[in-house]
Amino acid sequence: MMEKWFWLPDWASDLSLWEDDLISANPEAEHVFVSYGDMVSCLDGMYGLKGLSEATTVVAWGLGALALLKDAKNKPCGQKWILLSPYADFCDEESNWTDQTLTFMARQVRNAAEPTLNAFMEFLENEFGEWQDEWFSAALKMDKNALGDGLNYLVRNKIDSKIEDNGETKVLFGRMNQAVLPSLTLGLKEFLPNAEFKERPKAGHWPPMLML
């Protein structure tokens, strides 16, 4: 049976920008890149996303990883997870962001997306790879309400208890990541005791650098 990989994006992100690079993780599999808008519509129950329960592997990045973890009770037995730059609390005291700041930005982005996107862009400027402009251009085209909903989700949702895992889970994070500091990802260890955590020394936040 052909493997099926589902890819869940981070906030304001379009994973299909890197499709050619990412499918090389398993060229023989069928790959489904979920749009940001489709993912946001299922944030409160990620396994309500059509086809996700049938996936053999789910790769989830940032916000997508948090939403997947929050619906872990519905993870099918044997399904593999690969989590890219995940976190238990995006607004942790070690984070670049506070609940108050994100709440303000969630309101702001519904009227004017560019200032909010620029604020996040600052933490991507020194990333290895020349994808910043492509990320920004794709994000500007997204529904502003969906962008606001994603930020509100980050404020409201934290991981604060052990997650029962029905299958293999691998966590990949970049040592050079300024958008999601490595310490935020390592904070998940107490909640994912059976997961494999792997640091990519030369990677930051971009998925191709984390996956490959």
N, C-alpha and C. Protein backbone atom coordinates (compact mmCIF):
# COMPACT_ATOMS: atom_id res chain seq x y z
N MET A 1 0.85 -1.20 0.00
CA MET A 1 0.00 0.00 0.00
C MET A 1 0.88 1.25 0.00
N MET A 2 0.55 2.21 -0.85
CA MET A 2 1.33 3.44 -0.93
C MET A 2 1.18 4.26 0.35
N GLU A 3 2.29 4.77 0.83
CA GLU A 3 2.24 5.65 2.00
C GLU A 3 1.61 6.99 1.61
N LYS A 4 0.93 7.59 2.58
CA LYS A 4 0.35 8.92 2.36
C LYS A 4 0.88 9.86 3.43
N TRP A 5 1.51 10.94 3.00
CA TRP A 5 2.05 11.95 3.91
C TRP A 5 1.17 13.19 3.85
N PHE A 6 0.77 13.67 5.02
CA PHE A 6 0.05 14.94 5.13
C PHE A 6 0.99 15.98 5.73
N TRP A 7 0.97 17.18 5.18
CA TRP A 7 1.83 18.27 5.65
C TRP A 7 0.96 19.41 6.17
N LEU A 8 1.15 19.77 7.45
CA LEU A 8 0.39 20.85 8.08
C LEU A 8 1.31 22.06 8.28
N PRO A 9 0.90 23.24 7.83
CA PRO A 9 1.79 24.41 7.85
C PRO A 9 1.84 25.13 9.19
N ASP A 10 2.79 26.02 9.29
CA ASP A 10 2.90 26.93 10.42
C ASP A 10 1.97 28.12 10.16
N TRP A 11 1.92 29.03 11.12
CA TRP A 11 1.10 30.24 10.97
C TRP A 11 1.52 31.00 9.70
N ALA A 12 0.54 31.42 8.93
CA ALA A 12 0.74 32.27 7.75
C ALA A 12 1.71 31.67 6.74
N SER A 13 1.73 30.36 6.67
CA SER A 13 2.74 29.71 5.81
C SER A 13 2.11 28.77 4.79
N ASP A 14 2.82 28.61 3.69
CA ASP A 14 2.39 27.76 2.59
C ASP A 14 3.51 26.76 2.32
N LEU A 15 3.33 25.53 2.80
CA LEU A 15 4.39 24.53 2.65
C LEU A 15 4.63 24.13 1.21
N SER A 16 3.67 24.37 0.33
CA SER A 16 3.89 24.00 -1.07
C SER A 16 5.00 24.82 -1.72
N LEU A 17 5.43 25.91 -1.07
CA LEU A 17 6.58 26.67 -1.57
C LEU A 17 7.81 25.77 -1.70
N TRP A 18 7.89 24.76 -0.84
CA TRP A 18 9.06 23.88 -0.80
C TRP A 18 8.71 22.46 -1.25
N GLU A 19 7.62 22.33 -1.99
CA GLU A 19 7.11 21.00 -2.33
C GLU A 19 8.18 20.11 -2.96
N ASP A 20 8.91 20.63 -3.92
CA ASP A 20 9.90 19.81 -4.62
C ASP A 20 10.98 19.29 -3.67
N ASP A 21 11.38 20.12 -2.71
CA ASP A 21 12.38 19.69 -1.74
C ASP A 21 11.80 18.70 -0.74
N LEU A 22 10.59 18.98 -0.26
CA LEU A 22 10.04 18.20 0.84
C LEU A 22 9.62 16.80 0.44
N ILE A 23 9.11 16.63 -0.78
CA ILE A 23 8.67 15.29 -1.16
C ILE A 23 9.85 14.33 -1.29
N SER A 24 11.06 14.86 -1.37
CA SER A 24 12.23 13.98 -1.44
C SER A 24 12.44 13.21 -0.14
N ALA A 25 11.73 13.59 0.93
CA ALA A 25 11.80 12.82 2.18
C ALA A 25 11.26 11.41 1.97
N ASN A 26 10.34 11.26 1.02
CA ASN A 26 9.82 9.95 0.63
C ASN A 26 9.20 10.08 -0.75
N PRO A 27 10.03 9.97 -1.79
CA PRO A 27 9.55 10.21 -3.16
C PRO A 27 8.46 9.25 -3.61
N GLU A 28 8.38 8.08 -2.99
CA GLU A 28 7.41 7.07 -3.42
C GLU A 28 6.03 7.29 -2.82
N ALA A 29 5.93 8.17 -1.81
CA ALA A 29 4.66 8.38 -1.12
C ALA A 29 3.77 9.37 -1.87
N GLU A 30 2.49 9.34 -1.54
CA GLU A 30 1.56 10.38 -1.98
C GLU A 30 1.64 11.51 -0.96
N HIS A 31 1.81 12.75 -1.43
CA HIS A 31 1.98 13.88 -0.52
C HIS A 31 0.81 14.85 -0.66
N VAL A 32 0.24 15.24 0.48
CA VAL A 32 -0.86 16.20 0.52
C VAL A 32 -0.41 17.41 1.33
N PHE A 33 -0.32 18.57 0.68
CA PHE A 33 0.07 19.80 1.36
C PHE A 33 -1.20 20.58 1.70
N VAL A 34 -1.51 20.62 2.98
CA VAL A 34 -2.74 21.27 3.44
C VAL A 34 -2.54 22.78 3.41
N SER A 35 -3.50 23.50 2.86
CA SER A 35 -3.40 24.96 2.83
C SER A 35 -3.59 25.53 4.22
N TYR A 36 -3.06 26.74 4.43
CA TYR A 36 -3.21 27.38 5.73
C TYR A 36 -4.69 27.56 6.08
N GLY A 37 -5.48 28.01 5.11
CA GLY A 37 -6.90 28.25 5.36
C GLY A 37 -7.64 26.99 5.76
N ASP A 38 -7.36 25.88 5.07
CA ASP A 38 -8.02 24.61 5.40
C ASP A 38 -7.62 24.15 6.80
N MET A 39 -6.36 24.33 7.15
CA MET A 39 -5.92 23.91 8.49
C MET A 39 -6.60 24.74 9.57
N VAL A 40 -6.66 26.05 9.37
CA VAL A 40 -7.26 26.92 10.38
C VAL A 40 -8.73 26.56 10.62
N SER A 41 -9.41 26.11 9.60
CA SER A 41 -10.83 25.75 9.75
C SER A 41 -11.02 24.54 10.66
N CYS A 42 -9.93 23.80 10.92
CA CYS A 42 -10.01 22.60 11.76
C CYS A 42 -9.13 22.69 13.01
N LEU A 43 -8.71 23.88 13.38
CA LEU A 43 -7.78 24.01 14.51
C LEU A 43 -8.32 23.40 15.80
N ASP A 44 -9.61 23.47 16.02
CA ASP A 44 -10.17 22.96 17.27
C ASP A 44 -10.44 21.46 17.24
N GLY A 45 -10.06 20.81 16.16
CA GLY A 45 -10.20 19.36 16.04
C GLY A 45 -9.50 18.92 14.77
N MET A 46 -8.17 18.82 14.82
CA MET A 46 -7.39 18.65 13.60
C MET A 46 -7.77 17.38 12.84
N TYR A 47 -8.19 16.35 13.56
CA TYR A 47 -8.55 15.12 12.85
C TYR A 47 -9.91 15.22 12.16
N GLY A 48 -10.54 16.38 12.23
CA GLY A 48 -11.70 16.65 11.40
C GLY A 48 -11.31 17.01 9.98
N LEU A 49 -10.01 17.21 9.74
CA LEU A 49 -9.51 17.53 8.41
C LEU A 49 -9.61 16.29 7.52
N LYS A 50 -10.26 16.43 6.41
CA LYS A 50 -10.51 15.29 5.53
C LYS A 50 -9.21 14.58 5.13
N GLY A 51 -9.16 13.28 5.39
CA GLY A 51 -8.02 12.47 4.97
C GLY A 51 -6.92 12.34 5.99
N LEU A 52 -6.91 13.18 7.02
CA LEU A 52 -5.79 13.17 7.96
C LEU A 52 -5.71 11.85 8.72
N SER A 53 -6.82 11.28 9.08
CA SER A 53 -6.82 10.02 9.83
C SER A 53 -6.26 8.86 9.01
N GLU A 54 -6.32 8.98 7.68
CA GLU A 54 -5.82 7.90 6.81
C GLU A 54 -4.34 8.06 6.48
N ALA A 55 -3.73 9.16 6.88
CA ALA A 55 -2.31 9.39 6.56
C ALA A 55 -1.42 8.42 7.33
N THR A 56 -0.37 7.94 6.68
CA THR A 56 0.61 7.10 7.38
C THR A 56 1.60 7.96 8.15
N THR A 57 1.89 9.15 7.62
CA THR A 57 2.81 10.09 8.27
C THR A 57 2.23 11.49 8.20
N VAL A 58 2.30 12.21 9.31
CA VAL A 58 1.89 13.61 9.34
C VAL A 58 3.10 14.45 9.72
N VAL A 59 3.46 15.39 8.85
CA VAL A 59 4.51 16.35 9.15
C VAL A 59 3.83 17.66 9.49
N ALA A 60 4.07 18.15 10.70
CA ALA A 60 3.37 19.35 11.17
C ALA A 60 4.38 20.36 11.68
N TRP A 61 4.23 21.60 11.24
CA TRP A 61 5.21 22.66 11.49
C TRP A 61 4.59 23.75 12.36
N GLY A 62 5.24 24.10 13.46
CA GLY A 62 4.82 25.24 14.28
C GLY A 62 3.38 25.14 14.76
N LEU A 63 2.55 26.08 14.30
CA LEU A 63 1.14 26.10 14.66
C LEU A 63 0.46 24.77 14.33
N GLY A 64 0.79 24.21 13.17
CA GLY A 64 0.22 22.92 12.78
C GLY A 64 0.56 21.82 13.77
N ALA A 65 1.79 21.85 14.29
CA ALA A 65 2.20 20.86 15.28
C ALA A 65 1.43 21.02 16.58
N LEU A 66 1.23 22.27 17.02
CA LEU A 66 0.48 22.51 18.25
C LEU A 66 -0.95 21.98 18.12
N ALA A 67 -1.60 22.28 17.01
CA ALA A 67 -2.98 21.83 16.81
C ALA A 67 -3.06 20.31 16.75
N LEU A 68 -2.05 19.68 16.14
CA LEU A 68 -2.02 18.22 16.07
C LEU A 68 -1.86 17.62 17.47
N LEU A 69 -0.96 18.19 18.26
CA LEU A 69 -0.75 17.71 19.63
C LEU A 69 -2.01 17.88 20.47
N LYS A 70 -2.74 18.95 20.26
CA LYS A 70 -3.95 19.19 21.04
C LYS A 70 -5.06 18.18 20.71
N ASP A 71 -4.96 17.52 19.56
CA ASP A 71 -5.96 16.52 19.18
C ASP A 71 -5.35 15.12 19.19
N ALA A 72 -4.32 14.92 20.01
CA ALA A 72 -3.59 13.65 20.03
C ALA A 72 -4.47 12.46 20.39
N LYS A 73 -5.56 12.70 21.12
CA LYS A 73 -6.44 11.59 21.52
C LYS A 73 -7.04 10.89 20.31
N ASN A 74 -7.08 11.57 19.18
CA ASN A 74 -7.66 10.99 17.96
C ASN A 74 -6.60 10.47 16.99
N LYS A 75 -5.36 10.45 17.42
CA LYS A 75 -4.29 9.95 16.54
C LYS A 75 -4.48 8.46 16.30
N PRO A 76 -4.54 8.03 15.04
CA PRO A 76 -4.71 6.61 14.74
C PRO A 76 -3.49 5.80 15.19
N CYS A 77 -3.73 4.60 15.66
CA CYS A 77 -2.64 3.74 16.09
C CYS A 77 -1.68 3.48 14.93
N GLY A 78 -0.40 3.69 15.17
CA GLY A 78 0.61 3.43 14.15
C GLY A 78 0.93 4.61 13.25
N GLN A 79 0.15 5.68 13.31
CA GLN A 79 0.46 6.85 12.49
C GLN A 79 1.73 7.52 13.01
N LYS A 80 2.60 7.89 12.10
CA LYS A 80 3.86 8.53 12.47
C LYS A 80 3.72 10.04 12.40
N TRP A 81 4.28 10.70 13.40
CA TRP A 81 4.33 12.16 13.41
C TRP A 81 5.76 12.64 13.27
N ILE A 82 5.96 13.67 12.45
CA ILE A 82 7.23 14.40 12.40
C ILE A 82 6.88 15.86 12.69
N LEU A 83 7.32 16.35 13.83
CA LEU A 83 6.97 17.70 14.27
C LEU A 83 8.16 18.63 14.06
N LEU A 84 7.93 19.72 13.33
CA LEU A 84 8.99 20.68 13.01
C LEU A 84 8.83 21.92 13.88
N SER A 85 9.84 22.22 14.67
CA SER A 85 9.84 23.41 15.55
C SER A 85 8.55 23.53 16.36
N PRO A 86 8.14 22.47 17.06
CA PRO A 86 6.93 22.55 17.87
C PRO A 86 7.21 23.21 19.22
N TYR A 87 6.18 23.42 19.99
CA TYR A 87 6.32 24.05 21.31
C TYR A 87 5.10 23.71 22.15
N ALA A 88 5.29 23.81 23.46
CA ALA A 88 4.17 23.61 24.39
C ALA A 88 3.39 24.91 24.58
N ASP A 89 4.11 26.02 24.53
CA ASP A 89 3.50 27.34 24.79
C ASP A 89 4.25 28.38 23.97
N PHE A 90 3.61 28.87 22.91
CA PHE A 90 4.27 29.83 22.04
C PHE A 90 4.60 31.13 22.77
N CYS A 91 3.83 31.43 23.81
CA CYS A 91 4.04 32.67 24.57
C CYS A 91 4.72 32.40 25.92
N ASP A 92 5.51 31.34 25.97
CA ASP A 92 6.30 31.03 27.16
C ASP A 92 7.18 32.22 27.54
N GLU A 93 7.60 32.28 28.79
CA GLU A 93 8.41 33.42 29.24
C GLU A 93 9.73 33.52 28.49
N GLU A 94 10.20 32.43 27.87
CA GLU A 94 11.43 32.47 27.08
C GLU A 94 11.17 32.87 25.63
N SER A 95 9.91 33.01 25.26
CA SER A 95 9.55 33.32 23.88
C SER A 95 9.78 34.79 23.55
N ASN A 96 9.74 35.07 22.25
CA ASN A 96 9.81 36.47 21.78
C ASN A 96 8.45 37.16 21.90
N TRP A 97 7.40 36.41 22.26
CA TRP A 97 6.04 36.92 22.21
C TRP A 97 5.33 36.73 23.54
N THR A 98 4.41 37.64 23.85
CA THR A 98 3.57 37.51 25.03
C THR A 98 2.12 37.33 24.58
N ASP A 99 1.28 36.85 25.49
CA ASP A 99 -0.14 36.71 25.18
C ASP A 99 -0.74 38.05 24.75
N GLN A 100 -0.35 39.11 25.47
CA GLN A 100 -0.92 40.43 25.19
C GLN A 100 -0.53 40.93 23.80
N THR A 101 0.74 40.72 23.45
CA THR A 101 1.21 41.16 22.13
C THR A 101 0.50 40.43 21.01
N LEU A 102 0.39 39.10 21.14
CA LEU A 102 -0.27 38.33 20.09
C LEU A 102 -1.75 38.66 19.98
N THR A 103 -2.39 38.91 21.11
CA THR A 103 -3.81 39.28 21.08
C THR A 103 -4.01 40.59 20.32
N PHE A 104 -3.12 41.55 20.57
CA PHE A 104 -3.17 42.82 19.83
C PHE A 104 -2.94 42.58 18.34
N MET A 105 -1.95 41.75 18.02
CA MET A 105 -1.62 41.50 16.62
C MET A 105 -2.74 40.74 15.91
N ALA A 106 -3.44 39.89 16.65
CA ALA A 106 -4.57 39.16 16.06
C ALA A 106 -5.67 40.12 15.63
N ARG A 107 -5.86 41.19 16.38
CA ARG A 107 -6.83 42.22 15.99
C ARG A 107 -6.29 43.04 14.82
N GLN A 108 -5.03 43.42 14.93
CA GLN A 108 -4.41 44.27 13.91
C GLN A 108 -4.40 43.61 12.53
N VAL A 109 -4.07 42.32 12.50
CA VAL A 109 -3.87 41.65 11.22
C VAL A 109 -5.16 41.54 10.42
N ARG A 110 -6.32 41.61 11.07
CA ARG A 110 -7.59 41.52 10.36
C ARG A 110 -7.85 42.77 9.51
N ASN A 111 -7.21 43.86 9.88
CA ASN A 111 -7.37 45.12 9.13
C ASN A 111 -6.18 45.41 8.24
N ALA A 112 -4.99 45.08 8.73
CA ALA A 112 -3.76 45.36 7.97
C ALA A 112 -2.75 44.26 8.25
N ALA A 113 -2.59 43.36 7.29
CA ALA A 113 -1.73 42.19 7.51
C ALA A 113 -0.25 42.54 7.51
N GLU A 114 0.13 43.53 6.71
CA GLU A 114 1.56 43.77 6.48
C GLU A 114 2.35 44.09 7.75
N PRO A 115 1.87 44.97 8.65
CA PRO A 115 2.66 45.25 9.87
C PRO A 115 2.88 44.01 10.73
N THR A 116 1.87 43.16 10.84
CA THR A 116 2.00 41.94 11.64
C THR A 116 2.98 40.98 11.00
N LEU A 117 2.87 40.80 9.70
CA LEU A 117 3.79 39.91 9.00
C LEU A 117 5.22 40.43 9.07
N ASN A 118 5.39 41.74 9.00
CA ASN A 118 6.73 42.32 9.13
C ASN A 118 7.33 42.03 10.49
N ALA A 119 6.50 42.02 11.54
CA ALA A 119 7.00 41.74 12.88
C ALA A 119 7.56 40.33 12.97
N PHE A 120 6.89 39.38 12.34
CA PHE A 120 7.40 38.00 12.33
C PHE A 120 8.60 37.87 11.40
N MET A 121 8.57 38.64 10.33
CA MET A 121 9.65 38.59 9.33
C MET A 121 11.00 38.93 9.96
N GLU A 122 11.00 39.79 10.97
CA GLU A 122 12.25 40.18 11.62
C GLU A 122 13.00 38.98 12.17
N PHE A 123 12.28 37.95 12.60
CA PHE A 123 12.92 36.77 13.18
C PHE A 123 13.31 35.75 12.12
N LEU A 124 12.99 36.04 10.87
CA LEU A 124 13.34 35.15 9.77
C LEU A 124 14.43 35.74 8.89
N GLU A 125 14.81 36.98 9.15
CA GLU A 125 15.74 37.70 8.25
C GLU A 125 17.09 37.01 8.14
N ASN A 126 17.57 36.41 9.23
CA ASN A 126 18.90 35.81 9.21
C ASN A 126 18.89 34.32 8.93
N GLU A 127 17.73 33.80 8.51
CA GLU A 127 17.63 32.38 8.19
C GLU A 127 18.49 32.05 6.98
N PHE A 128 19.12 30.87 7.04
CA PHE A 128 19.84 30.37 5.87
C PHE A 128 18.82 29.98 4.81
N GLY A 129 19.06 30.38 3.59
CA GLY A 129 18.08 30.13 2.53
C GLY A 129 17.37 31.43 2.17
N GLU A 130 17.02 31.59 0.93
CA GLU A 130 16.44 32.85 0.45
C GLU A 130 14.94 32.72 0.22
N TRP A 131 14.23 32.33 1.29
CA TRP A 131 12.79 32.09 1.15
C TRP A 131 11.95 33.16 1.84
N GLN A 132 12.59 34.12 2.47
CA GLN A 132 11.83 35.11 3.24
C GLN A 132 10.80 35.85 2.38
N ASP A 133 11.23 36.33 1.23
CA ASP A 133 10.32 37.10 0.37
C ASP A 133 9.17 36.24 -0.16
N GLU A 134 9.47 34.98 -0.49
CA GLU A 134 8.42 34.09 -0.97
C GLU A 134 7.41 33.81 0.13
N TRP A 135 7.91 33.58 1.35
CA TRP A 135 7.01 33.37 2.49
C TRP A 135 6.11 34.59 2.68
N PHE A 136 6.70 35.78 2.64
CA PHE A 136 5.95 37.02 2.88
C PHE A 136 4.89 37.23 1.81
N SER A 137 5.27 37.02 0.56
CA SER A 137 4.32 37.22 -0.55
C SER A 137 3.13 36.27 -0.45
N ALA A 138 3.42 35.01 -0.10
CA ALA A 138 2.34 34.03 0.04
C ALA A 138 1.44 34.38 1.21
N ALA A 139 2.03 34.83 2.31
CA ALA A 139 1.25 35.17 3.51
C ALA A 139 0.33 36.36 3.26
N LEU A 140 0.79 37.33 2.48
CA LEU A 140 -0.02 38.51 2.18
C LEU A 140 -1.31 38.17 1.44
N LYS A 141 -1.32 37.06 0.73
CA LYS A 141 -2.49 36.66 -0.06
C LYS A 141 -3.51 35.88 0.77
N MET A 142 -3.15 35.55 2.00
CA MET A 142 -4.04 34.72 2.82
C MET A 142 -5.16 35.54 3.44
N ASP A 143 -6.24 34.85 3.77
CA ASP A 143 -7.39 35.50 4.39
C ASP A 143 -6.99 36.11 5.73
N LYS A 144 -7.27 37.40 5.91
CA LYS A 144 -6.83 38.10 7.12
C LYS A 144 -7.51 37.54 8.37
N ASN A 145 -8.75 37.12 8.26
CA ASN A 145 -9.42 36.55 9.42
C ASN A 145 -8.78 35.22 9.83
N ALA A 146 -8.34 34.45 8.85
CA ALA A 146 -7.65 33.20 9.15
C ALA A 146 -6.31 33.47 9.84
N LEU A 147 -5.64 34.53 9.43
CA LEU A 147 -4.39 34.90 10.10
C LEU A 147 -4.67 35.28 11.56
N GLY A 148 -5.71 36.06 11.78
CA GLY A 148 -6.08 36.44 13.14
C GLY A 148 -6.49 35.25 13.98
N ASP A 149 -7.23 34.33 13.39
CA ASP A 149 -7.66 33.13 14.12
C ASP A 149 -6.46 32.29 14.54
N GLY A 150 -5.45 32.22 13.69
CA GLY A 150 -4.25 31.46 14.03
C GLY A 150 -3.52 32.05 15.22
N LEU A 151 -3.41 33.37 15.26
CA LEU A 151 -2.75 34.02 16.39
C LEU A 151 -3.55 33.85 17.67
N ASN A 152 -4.86 33.96 17.58
CA ASN A 152 -5.69 33.75 18.77
C ASN A 152 -5.56 32.33 19.30
N TYR A 153 -5.42 31.38 18.39
CA TYR A 153 -5.24 29.98 18.81
C TYR A 153 -3.94 29.82 19.60
N LEU A 154 -2.89 30.49 19.15
CA LEU A 154 -1.61 30.41 19.86
C LEU A 154 -1.71 30.98 21.27
N VAL A 155 -2.52 32.00 21.44
CA VAL A 155 -2.70 32.60 22.76
C VAL A 155 -3.49 31.66 23.67
N ARG A 156 -4.53 31.03 23.14
CA ARG A 156 -5.46 30.26 23.97
C ARG A 156 -4.99 28.85 24.29
N ASN A 157 -4.09 28.31 23.49
CA ASN A 157 -3.79 26.88 23.59
C ASN A 157 -2.35 26.61 23.99
N LYS A 158 -2.20 25.78 25.01
CA LYS A 158 -0.90 25.35 25.51
C LYS A 158 -0.94 23.83 25.73
N ILE A 159 0.22 23.22 25.75
CA ILE A 159 0.33 21.82 26.14
C ILE A 159 0.77 21.81 27.60
N ASP A 160 -0.03 21.23 28.47
CA ASP A 160 0.30 21.26 29.90
C ASP A 160 0.15 19.91 30.59
N SER A 161 0.01 18.84 29.79
CA SER A 161 -0.06 17.50 30.38
C SER A 161 0.53 16.49 29.41
N LYS A 162 0.91 15.34 29.93
CA LYS A 162 1.55 14.30 29.12
C LYS A 162 0.62 13.85 28.00
N ILE A 163 1.20 13.66 26.82
CA ILE A 163 0.43 13.24 25.65
C ILE A 163 0.66 11.75 25.41
N GLU A 164 -0.43 11.00 25.41
CA GLU A 164 -0.35 9.57 25.12
C GLU A 164 -0.14 9.40 23.62
N ASP A 165 0.90 8.66 23.27
CA ASP A 165 1.30 8.55 21.87
C ASP A 165 0.96 7.16 21.33
N ASN A 166 0.20 7.11 20.25
CA ASN A 166 -0.19 5.84 19.64
C ASN A 166 0.73 5.43 18.49
N GLY A 167 1.83 6.11 18.32
CA GLY A 167 2.73 5.78 17.23
C GLY A 167 4.03 6.55 17.35
N GLU A 168 4.93 6.33 16.41
CA GLU A 168 6.24 6.98 16.45
C GLU A 168 6.12 8.49 16.29
N THR A 169 6.87 9.22 17.10
CA THR A 169 6.91 10.68 17.00
C THR A 169 8.35 11.15 16.99
N LYS A 170 8.68 11.95 15.98
CA LYS A 170 10.02 12.54 15.88
C LYS A 170 9.87 14.06 15.91
N VAL A 171 10.73 14.71 16.69
CA VAL A 171 10.71 16.16 16.81
C VAL A 171 12.02 16.71 16.23
N LEU A 172 11.93 17.59 15.25
CA LEU A 172 13.10 18.19 14.62
C LEU A 172 13.09 19.69 14.89
N PHE A 173 14.24 20.21 15.31
CA PHE A 173 14.32 21.65 15.57
C PHE A 173 15.71 22.16 15.20
N GLY A 174 15.77 23.45 14.85
CA GLY A 174 17.02 24.04 14.39
C GLY A 174 17.72 24.84 15.49
N ARG A 175 18.99 24.61 15.62
CA ARG A 175 19.78 25.34 16.63
C ARG A 175 19.78 26.83 16.36
N MET A 176 19.68 27.23 15.08
CA MET A 176 19.77 28.64 14.71
C MET A 176 18.40 29.33 14.64
N ASN A 177 17.36 28.64 15.05
CA ASN A 177 16.00 29.18 14.93
C ASN A 177 15.77 30.35 15.88
N GLN A 178 15.42 31.50 15.32
CA GLN A 178 15.09 32.68 16.13
C GLN A 178 13.59 32.89 16.25
N ALA A 179 12.82 32.28 15.35
CA ALA A 179 11.36 32.41 15.40
C ALA A 179 10.77 31.55 16.51
N VAL A 180 11.27 30.33 16.62
CA VAL A 180 10.90 29.43 17.72
C VAL A 180 12.20 28.95 18.36
N LEU A 181 12.54 29.53 19.47
CA LEU A 181 13.81 29.22 20.11
C LEU A 181 13.88 27.74 20.48
N PRO A 182 15.07 27.11 20.35
CA PRO A 182 15.20 25.69 20.69
C PRO A 182 14.71 25.36 22.10
N SER A 183 14.87 26.28 23.03
CA SER A 183 14.42 26.02 24.40
C SER A 183 12.90 25.81 24.47
N LEU A 184 12.15 26.46 23.57
CA LEU A 184 10.70 26.27 23.54
C LEU A 184 10.35 24.85 23.09
N THR A 185 11.07 24.36 22.09
CA THR A 185 10.84 23.00 21.62
C THR A 185 11.25 21.98 22.68
N LEU A 186 12.39 22.20 23.30
CA LEU A 186 12.85 21.26 24.32
C LEU A 186 11.91 21.22 25.52
N GLY A 187 11.14 22.28 25.72
CA GLY A 187 10.15 22.30 26.79
C GLY A 187 9.04 21.27 26.61
N LEU A 188 8.94 20.70 25.40
CA LEU A 188 7.93 19.67 25.13
C LEU A 188 8.34 18.30 25.65
N LYS A 189 9.61 18.13 25.99
CA LYS A 189 10.10 16.79 26.35
C LYS A 189 9.31 16.16 27.49
N GLU A 190 8.95 16.97 28.48
CA GLU A 190 8.22 16.40 29.62
C GLU A 190 6.83 15.93 29.24
N PHE A 191 6.29 16.44 28.14
CA PHE A 191 4.95 16.05 27.71
C PHE A 191 4.97 14.98 26.61
N LEU A 192 6.14 14.78 25.99
CA LEU A 192 6.32 13.76 24.95
C LEU A 192 7.50 12.87 25.33
N PRO A 193 7.38 12.11 26.40
CA PRO A 193 8.53 11.35 26.92
C PRO A 193 9.04 10.26 25.98
N ASN A 194 8.21 9.80 25.05
CA ASN A 194 8.62 8.72 24.15
C ASN A 194 9.06 9.22 22.78
N ALA A 195 9.01 10.51 22.58
CA ALA A 195 9.38 11.07 21.27
C ALA A 195 10.90 11.16 21.13
N GLU A 196 11.35 11.11 19.88
CA GLU A 196 12.77 11.31 19.57
C GLU A 196 12.98 12.78 19.21
N PHE A 197 13.85 13.45 19.95
CA PHE A 197 14.16 14.86 19.68
C PHE A 197 15.50 14.92 18.96
N LYS A 198 15.54 15.64 17.84
CA LYS A 198 16.76 15.73 17.06
C LYS A 198 17.03 17.18 16.67
N GLU A 199 18.18 17.68 17.07
CA GLU A 199 18.57 19.05 16.73
C GLU A 199 19.32 19.08 15.41
N ARG A 200 18.98 20.04 14.58
CA ARG A 200 19.71 20.29 13.33
C ARG A 200 20.64 21.49 13.57
N PRO A 201 21.93 21.26 13.72
CA PRO A 201 22.85 22.34 14.12
C PRO A 201 22.89 23.53 13.17
N LYS A 202 22.72 23.30 11.87
CA LYS A 202 22.85 24.39 10.89
C LYS A 202 21.49 24.91 10.40
N ALA A 203 20.42 24.42 11.00
CA ALA A 203 19.08 24.81 10.55
C ALA A 203 18.48 25.88 11.43
N GLY A 204 17.53 26.62 10.85
CA GLY A 204 16.75 27.59 11.60
C GLY A 204 15.30 27.14 11.64
N HIS A 205 14.41 27.92 10.99
CA HIS A 205 12.97 27.62 11.06
C HIS A 205 12.43 26.97 9.79
N TRP A 206 13.12 27.12 8.66
CA TRP A 206 12.57 26.65 7.39
C TRP A 206 12.52 25.12 7.32
N PRO A 207 11.39 24.56 6.86
CA PRO A 207 11.22 23.11 6.81
C PRO A 207 12.26 22.34 6.00
N PRO A 208 12.69 22.81 4.81
CA PRO A 208 13.67 22.02 4.08
C PRO A 208 14.96 21.79 4.87
N MET A 209 15.37 22.77 5.64
CA MET A 209 16.59 22.64 6.43
C MET A 209 16.39 21.67 7.60
N LEU A 210 15.17 21.60 8.10
CA LEU A 210 14.86 20.69 9.21
C LEU A 210 14.68 19.26 8.73
N MET A 211 14.03 19.09 7.59
CA MET A 211 13.73 17.75 7.09
C MET A 211 14.92 17.07 6.44
N LEU A 212 15.75 17.87 5.79
CA LEU A 212 16.78 17.28 4.94
C LEU A 212 18.16 17.52 5.50
